[in-house]
C-alpha atoms as a PDB file:
ATOM      1  CA  UNK A   1     -16.857  10.169  16.370  1.00  0.00           C
ATOM      2  CA  UNK A   2     -15.570  10.256  12.778  1.00  0.00           C
ATOM      3  CA  UNK A   3     -12.481   8.124  13.431  1.00  0.00           C
ATOM      4  CA  UNK A   4     -14.376   5.541  15.510  1.00  0.00           C
ATOM      5  CA  UNK A   5     -17.465   5.068  13.330  1.00  0.00           C
ATOM      6  CA  UNK A   6     -18.131   7.296  10.334  1.00  0.00           C
ATOM      7  CA  UNK A   7     -14.693   6.818   8.782  1.00  0.00           C
ATOM      8  CA  UNK A   8     -15.348   3.082   8.428  1.00  0.00           C
ATOM      9  CA  UNK A   9     -18.833   3.689   6.998  1.00  0.00           C
ATOM     10  CA  UNK A  10     -17.548   6.258   4.496  1.00  0.00           C
ATOM     11  CA  UNK A  11     -14.687   3.959   3.455  1.00  0.00           C
ATOM     12  CA  UNK A  12     -17.007   1.002   2.893  1.00  0.00           C
ATOM     13  CA  UNK A  13     -19.513   2.955   0.801  1.00  0.00           C
ATOM     14  CA  UNK A  14     -16.851   4.722  -1.294  1.00  0.00           C
ATOM     15  CA  UNK A  15     -14.886   1.546  -1.982  1.00  0.00           C
ATOM     16  CA  UNK A  16     -18.025  -0.395  -2.895  1.00  0.00           C
ATOM     17  CA  UNK A  17     -19.006   2.319  -5.388  1.00  0.00           C
ATOM     18  CA  UNK A  18     -15.490   2.466  -6.848  1.00  0.00           C
ATOM     19  CA  UNK A  19     -15.306  -1.317  -7.263  1.00  0.00           C
ATOM     20  CA  UNK A  20     -18.684  -1.352  -9.006  1.00  0.00           C
ATOM     21  CA  UNK A  21     -17.261   1.103 -11.540  1.00  0.00           C
ATOM     22  CA  UNK A  22     -13.738  -0.243 -12.086  1.00  0.00           C
ATOM     23  CA  UNK A  23     -14.248  -4.015 -11.773  1.00  0.00           C
ATOM     24  CA  UNK A  24     -14.014  -4.541 -15.577  1.00  0.00           C
ATOM     25  CA  UNK A  25     -10.633  -2.776 -15.578  1.00  0.00           C
ATOM     26  CA  UNK A  26      -9.432  -4.882 -12.637  1.00  0.00           C
ATOM     27  CA  UNK A  27     -10.558  -8.037 -14.455  1.00  0.00           C
ATOM     28  CA  UNK A  28      -8.629  -7.101 -17.594  1.00  0.00           C
ATOM     29  CA  UNK A  29      -5.497  -6.339 -15.548  1.00  0.00           C
ATOM     30  CA  UNK A  30      -5.851  -9.629 -13.663  1.00  0.00           C
ATOM     31  CA  UNK A  31      -6.019 -11.630 -16.902  1.00  0.00           C
ATOM     32  CA  UNK A  32      -3.176  -9.595 -18.422  1.00  0.00           C
ATOM     33  CA  UNK A  33      -0.910 -10.230 -15.429  1.00  0.00           C
ATOM     34  CA  UNK A  34      -1.870 -13.898 -15.231  1.00  0.00           C
ATOM     35  CA  UNK A  35      -0.392 -14.554 -18.669  1.00  0.00           C
ATOM     36  CA  UNK A  36       2.497 -12.076 -18.366  1.00  0.00           C
ATOM     37  CA  UNK A  37       3.640 -13.654 -15.090  1.00  0.00           C
ATOM     38  CA  UNK A  38       4.019 -17.065 -16.760  1.00  0.00           C
ATOM     39  CA  UNK A  39       1.781 -18.960 -14.390  1.00  0.00           C
ATOM     40  CA  UNK A  40       2.903 -17.167 -11.228  1.00  0.00           C
ATOM     41  CA  UNK A  41      -0.573 -15.724 -10.733  1.00  0.00           C
ATOM     42  CA  UNK A  42      -1.932 -12.176 -10.791  1.00  0.00           C
ATOM     43  CA  UNK A  43      -1.945 -11.510  -7.027  1.00  0.00           C
ATOM     44  CA  UNK A  44       0.362 -11.878  -4.085  1.00  0.00           C
ATOM     45  CA  UNK A  45      -0.368 -11.731  -0.386  1.00  0.00           C
ATOM     46  CA  UNK A  46       1.875 -10.459   2.396  1.00  0.00           C
ATOM     47  CA  UNK A  47       1.539 -10.411   6.171  1.00  0.00           C
ATOM     48  CA  UNK A  48       1.268  -6.844   7.442  1.00  0.00           C
ATOM     49  CA  UNK A  49       0.388  -5.418  10.879  1.00  0.00           C
ATOM     50  CA  UNK A  50      -2.922  -3.574  11.033  1.00  0.00           C
ATOM     51  CA  UNK A  51      -4.949  -1.940  13.779  1.00  0.00           C
ATOM     52  CA  UNK A  52      -3.260  -2.505  17.156  1.00  0.00           C
ATOM     53  CA  UNK A  53      -0.599  -4.542  15.366  1.00  0.00           C
ATOM     54  CA  UNK A  54      -2.940  -7.384  14.388  1.00  0.00           C
ATOM     55  CA  UNK A  55      -1.517  -9.257  11.392  1.00  0.00           C
ATOM     56  CA  UNK A  56      -3.564  -9.492   8.195  1.00  0.00           C
ATOM     57  CA  UNK A  57      -2.921 -10.415   4.558  1.00  0.00           C
ATOM     58  CA  UNK A  58      -2.474  -7.395   2.306  1.00  0.00           C
ATOM     59  CA  UNK A  59      -3.426  -7.973  -1.346  1.00  0.00           C
ATOM     60  CA  UNK A  60      -1.491  -6.557  -4.301  1.00  0.00           C
ATOM     61  CA  UNK A  61      -1.219  -7.213  -7.997  1.00  0.00           C
ATOM     62  CA  UNK A  62       1.798  -9.405  -8.697  1.00  0.00           C
ATOM     63  CA  UNK A  63       4.212  -7.609 -11.017  1.00  0.00           C
ATOM     64  CA  UNK A  64       6.951 -10.239 -11.324  1.00  0.00           C
ATOM     65  CA  UNK A  65       7.340 -13.823 -12.449  1.00  0.00           C
ATOM     66  CA  UNK A  66       8.654 -16.593 -10.190  1.00  0.00           C
ATOM     67  CA  UNK A  67      11.534 -17.490 -12.505  1.00  0.00           C
ATOM     68  CA  UNK A  68      14.544 -19.121 -10.847  1.00  0.00           C
ATOM     69  CA  UNK A  69      18.160 -19.924 -11.682  1.00  0.00           C
ATOM     70  CA  UNK A  70      19.667 -23.390 -12.048  1.00  0.00           C
ATOM     71  CA  UNK A  71      20.101 -23.650  -8.257  1.00  0.00           C
ATOM     72  CA  UNK A  72      16.432 -22.874  -7.649  1.00  0.00           C
ATOM     73  CA  UNK A  73      16.973 -19.327  -6.403  1.00  0.00           C
ATOM     74  CA  UNK A  74      14.680 -16.540  -7.546  1.00  0.00           C
ATOM     75  CA  UNK A  75      16.250 -14.363 -10.212  1.00  0.00           C
ATOM     76  CA  UNK A  76      16.917 -10.686  -9.327  1.00  0.00           C
ATOM     77  CA  UNK A  77      13.816  -8.467  -9.286  1.00  0.00           C
ATOM     78  CA  UNK A  78      14.873  -6.587 -12.414  1.00  0.00           C
ATOM     79  CA  UNK A  79      15.047  -9.886 -14.321  1.00  0.00           C
ATOM     80  CA  UNK A  80      11.614 -10.989 -13.182  1.00  0.00           C
ATOM     81  CA  UNK A  81       9.512  -7.850 -13.529  1.00  0.00           C
ATOM     82  CA  UNK A  82       7.463  -7.898 -16.727  1.00  0.00           C
ATOM     83  CA  UNK A  83       6.596  -5.002 -19.030  1.00  0.00           C
ATOM     84  CA  UNK A  84       3.016  -5.275 -17.819  1.00  0.00           C
ATOM     85  CA  UNK A  85       4.197  -5.392 -14.217  1.00  0.00           C
ATOM     86  CA  UNK A  86       6.360  -2.319 -14.723  1.00  0.00           C
ATOM     87  CA  UNK A  87       3.384  -0.420 -16.146  1.00  0.00           C
ATOM     88  CA  UNK A  88       1.121  -1.550 -13.309  1.00  0.00           C
ATOM     89  CA  UNK A  89       3.671  -0.592 -10.652  1.00  0.00           C
ATOM     90  CA  UNK A  90       4.704   2.743 -12.189  1.00  0.00           C
ATOM     91  CA  UNK A  91       1.069   3.853 -12.202  1.00  0.00           C
ATOM     92  CA  UNK A  92       0.369   2.580  -8.649  1.00  0.00           C
ATOM     93  CA  UNK A  93      -2.212   0.155 -10.067  1.00  0.00           C
ATOM     94  CA  UNK A  94      -0.621  -2.650  -8.036  1.00  0.00           C
ATOM     95  CA  UNK A  95      -2.204  -1.107  -4.909  1.00  0.00           C
ATOM     96  CA  UNK A  96      -5.813  -1.323  -6.177  1.00  0.00           C
ATOM     97  CA  UNK A  97      -6.536  -4.872  -4.860  1.00  0.00           C
ATOM     98  CA  UNK A  98      -6.159  -3.378  -1.372  1.00  0.00           C
ATOM     99  CA  UNK A  99      -9.651  -1.968  -1.906  1.00  0.00           C
ATOM    100  CA  UNK A 100     -10.752  -5.483  -0.951  1.00  0.00           C
ATOM    101  CA  UNK A 101      -8.778  -5.131   2.293  1.00  0.00           C
ATOM    102  CA  UNK A 102     -10.745  -1.937   2.959  1.00  0.00           C
ATOM    103  CA  UNK A 103     -14.055  -3.709   2.382  1.00  0.00           C
ATOM    104  CA  UNK A 104     -12.983  -6.460   4.797  1.00  0.00           C
ATOM    105  CA  UNK A 105     -12.069  -3.896   7.441  1.00  0.00           C
ATOM    106  CA  UNK A 106      -8.344  -4.717   7.473  1.00  0.00           C
ATOM    107  CA  UNK A 107      -7.483  -1.295   6.082  1.00  0.00           C
ATOM    108  CA  UNK A 108      -8.873   2.181   5.489  1.00  0.00           C
ATOM    109  CA  UNK A 109      -8.620   4.365   2.408  1.00  0.00           C
ATOM    110  CA  UNK A 110      -6.426   6.761   4.387  1.00  0.00           C
ATOM    111  CA  UNK A 111      -4.047   5.907   7.216  1.00  0.00           C
ATOM    112  CA  UNK A 112      -0.409   5.032   7.894  1.00  0.00           C
ATOM    113  CA  UNK A 113       0.844   2.561   5.301  1.00  0.00           C
ATOM    114  CA  UNK A 114       1.095  -1.022   6.630  1.00  0.00           C
ATOM    115  CA  UNK A 115       4.768  -1.913   6.971  1.00  0.00           C
ATOM    116  CA  UNK A 116       6.574  -5.195   7.650  1.00  0.00           C
ATOM    117  CA  UNK A 117       5.767  -7.310  10.740  1.00  0.00           C
ATOM    118  CA  UNK A 118       9.439  -7.456  11.742  1.00  0.00           C
ATOM    119  CA  UNK A 119       9.392  -3.709  12.371  1.00  0.00           C
ATOM    120  CA  UNK A 120       6.886  -4.045  15.226  1.00  0.00           C
ATOM    121  CA  UNK A 121       9.551  -4.843  17.812  1.00  0.00           C
ATOM    122  CA  UNK A 122      11.726  -1.928  16.631  1.00  0.00           C
ATOM    123  CA  UNK A 123       9.254   0.904  17.179  1.00  0.00           C
ATOM    124  CA  UNK A 124       9.567   3.198  20.150  1.00  0.00           C
ATOM    125  CA  UNK A 125       6.467   4.095  22.164  1.00  0.00           C
ATOM    126  CA  UNK A 126       5.620   7.108  19.985  1.00  0.00           C
ATOM    127  CA  UNK A 127       6.113   5.252  16.699  1.00  0.00           C
ATOM    128  CA  UNK A 128       3.827   2.429  17.851  1.00  0.00           C
ATOM    129  CA  UNK A 129       0.966   4.932  17.921  1.00  0.00           C
ATOM    130  CA  UNK A 130       0.739   4.639  14.122  1.00  0.00           C
ATOM    131  CA  UNK A 131      -1.162   1.408  14.834  1.00  0.00           C
ATOM    132  CA  UNK A 132      -3.887   3.207  16.823  1.00  0.00           C
ATOM    133  CA  UNK A 133      -5.827   3.509  13.553  1.00  0.00           C
ATOM    134  CA  UNK A 134      -6.325   1.192  10.592  1.00  0.00           C
ATOM    135  CA  UNK A 135      -3.522   1.313   8.020  1.00  0.00           C
ATOM    136  CA  UNK A 136      -4.371   2.997   4.737  1.00  0.00           C
ATOM    137  CA  UNK A 137      -3.919   2.568   1.007  1.00  0.00           C
ATOM    138  CA  UNK A 138      -2.561   6.104   1.084  1.00  0.00           C
ATOM    139  CA  UNK A 139      -1.593   8.372   3.950  1.00  0.00           C
ATOM    140  CA  UNK A 140      -0.214  11.686   5.154  1.00  0.00           C
ATOM    141  CA  UNK A 141       3.380  10.497   4.795  1.00  0.00           C
ATOM    142  CA  UNK A 142       2.711   9.257   1.249  1.00  0.00           C
ATOM    143  CA  UNK A 143       1.562  12.692   0.045  1.00  0.00           C
ATOM    144  CA  UNK A 144       4.415  14.431   1.855  1.00  0.00           C
ATOM    145  CA  UNK A 145       7.441  12.718   0.409  1.00  0.00           C
ATOM    146  CA  UNK A 146       6.738   8.979   0.404  1.00  0.00           C
ATOM    147  CA  UNK A 147      10.149   7.323  -0.178  1.00  0.00           C
ATOM    148  CA  UNK A 148      12.064  10.600  -0.331  1.00  0.00           C
ATOM    149  CA  UNK A 149      11.880  11.231   3.424  1.00  0.00           C
ATOM    150  CA  UNK A 150      13.581   9.451   6.324  1.00  0.00           C
ATOM    151  CA  UNK A 151      11.902   6.834   8.495  1.00  0.00           C
ATOM    152  CA  UNK A 152      11.892   9.291  11.412  1.00  0.00           C
ATOM    153  CA  UNK A 153      10.068  11.895   9.322  1.00  0.00           C
ATOM    154  CA  UNK A 154       7.654   9.299   7.984  1.00  0.00           C
ATOM    155  CA  UNK A 155       6.735   8.093  11.480  1.00  0.00           C
ATOM    156  CA  UNK A 156       6.234  11.672  12.697  1.00  0.00           C
ATOM    157  CA  UNK A 157       3.817  12.260   9.825  1.00  0.00           C
ATOM    158  CA  UNK A 158       1.996   8.994  10.601  1.00  0.00           C
ATOM    159  CA  UNK A 159       1.538   9.918  14.259  1.00  0.00           C
ATOM    160  CA  UNK A 160       0.520  13.467  13.300  1.00  0.00           C
ATOM    161  CA  UNK A 161      -2.248  11.941  11.193  1.00  0.00           C
ATOM    162  CA  UNK A 162      -3.401   9.782  14.115  1.00  0.00           C
ATOM    163  CA  UNK A 163      -3.698  12.929  16.271  1.00  0.00           C
ATOM    164  CA  UNK A 164      -5.455  15.041  13.606  1.00  0.00           C
ATOM    165  CA  UNK A 165      -7.662  12.529  11.798  1.00  0.00           C
ATOM    166  CA  UNK A 166     -10.779  14.090  10.269  1.00  0.00           C
ATOM    167  CA  UNK A 167     -13.000  13.829   7.203  1.00  0.00           C
ATOM    168  CA  UNK A 168     -11.545  17.055   5.782  1.00  0.00           C
ATOM    169  CA  UNK A 169      -7.984  15.741   6.181  1.00  0.00           C
ATOM    170  CA  UNK A 170      -8.877  12.417   4.554  1.00  0.00           C
ATOM    171  CA  UNK A 171     -10.423  14.228   1.573  1.00  0.00           C
ATOM    172  CA  UNK A 172      -7.298  16.381   1.274  1.00  0.00           C
ATOM    173  CA  UNK A 173      -5.025  13.311   1.318  1.00  0.00           C
ATOM    174  CA  UNK A 174      -7.112  11.450  -1.271  1.00  0.00           C
ATOM    175  CA  UNK A 175      -7.101  14.513  -3.541  1.00  0.00           C
ATOM    176  CA  UNK A 176      -3.321  14.938  -3.200  1.00  0.00           C
ATOM    177  CA  UNK A 177      -2.838  11.210  -3.854  1.00  0.00           C
ATOM    178  CA  UNK A 178      -4.800  11.398  -7.106  1.00  0.00           C
ATOM    179  CA  UNK A 179      -2.817  14.476  -8.173  1.00  0.00           C
ATOM    180  CA  UNK A 180       0.493  12.757  -7.363  1.00  0.00           C
ATOM    181  CA  UNK A 181      -0.466   9.638  -9.333  1.00  0.00           C
ATOM    182  CA  UNK A 182      -1.553  11.692 -12.347  1.00  0.00           C
ATOM    183  CA  UNK A 183       1.679  13.687 -12.155  1.00  0.00           C
ATOM    184  CA  UNK A 184       3.641  10.456 -11.519  1.00  0.00           C
ATOM    185  CA  UNK A 185       5.170  12.118  -8.467  1.00  0.00           C
ATOM    186  CA  UNK A 186       7.033   9.983  -5.878  1.00  0.00           C
ATOM    187  CA  UNK A 187       6.056   6.812  -7.737  1.00  0.00           C
ATOM    188  CA  UNK A 188       8.318   3.776  -7.528  1.00  0.00           C
ATOM    189  CA  UNK A 189       8.877   2.915 -11.191  1.00  0.00           C
ATOM    190  CA  UNK A 190      11.578   0.284 -10.818  1.00  0.00           C
ATOM    191  CA  UNK A 191      11.721  -3.165  -9.338  1.00  0.00           C
ATOM    192  CA  UNK A 192      14.255  -2.056  -6.766  1.00  0.00           C
ATOM    193  CA  UNK A 193      13.216  -1.088  -3.257  1.00  0.00           C
ATOM    194  CA  UNK A 194      13.556   2.673  -2.950  1.00  0.00           C
ATOM    195  CA  UNK A 195      13.467   2.858   0.847  1.00  0.00           C
ATOM    196  CA  UNK A 196      16.123   1.254   3.005  1.00  0.00           C
ATOM    197  CA  UNK A 197      14.940  -1.226   5.616  1.00  0.00           C
ATOM    198  CA  UNK A 198      14.006   0.211   9.010  1.00  0.00           C
ATOM    199  CA  UNK A 199      16.453  -0.916  11.712  1.00  0.00           C
ATOM    200  CA  UNK A 200      15.093   1.001  14.692  1.00  0.00           C
ATOM    201  CA  UNK A 201      17.526   3.878  14.315  1.00  0.00           C
ATOM    202  CA  UNK A 202      17.279   5.337  10.797  1.00  0.00           C
END
């Protein structure tokens, strides 16, 4: 009953209350990034698979400019990330716009993180089960290693969550997420990707 109805209700109410409290902070960050990104905007949108693999647009704060070289190619990430963007990313603030995705019903507060659409065809039958629930802003894999564990371990944790979903578990994950952010544990602080791409085997 919780996973099919009450989880969505709890998510909606909690996110609405949080947004009512932090919207001034989000506004300041949006304006700050708008100018720091040199006209590239404060947000970016990416296609991600959600519940049952349905594609939606995930929202994040944009932490890099769109500066290009003489040939029109984007400069390397480390040359484009701004000081503001580095601060926003290192404190996981770039994930906060996904609260809007939760309000819309694309995501949940807690669930397997939404990955890239091109991975959908690479999952085995067991790994595909991670899409039996809405993806989350944080999840069981994120509080148990995040980018320090292998893809196989991450998928096992995702599926374990699907099989054990409960209000108590969600509260535990949210609490551990807050503690990890405050302790700056397992946070990606650079512009480089810290997890190798999934190829169906790793």
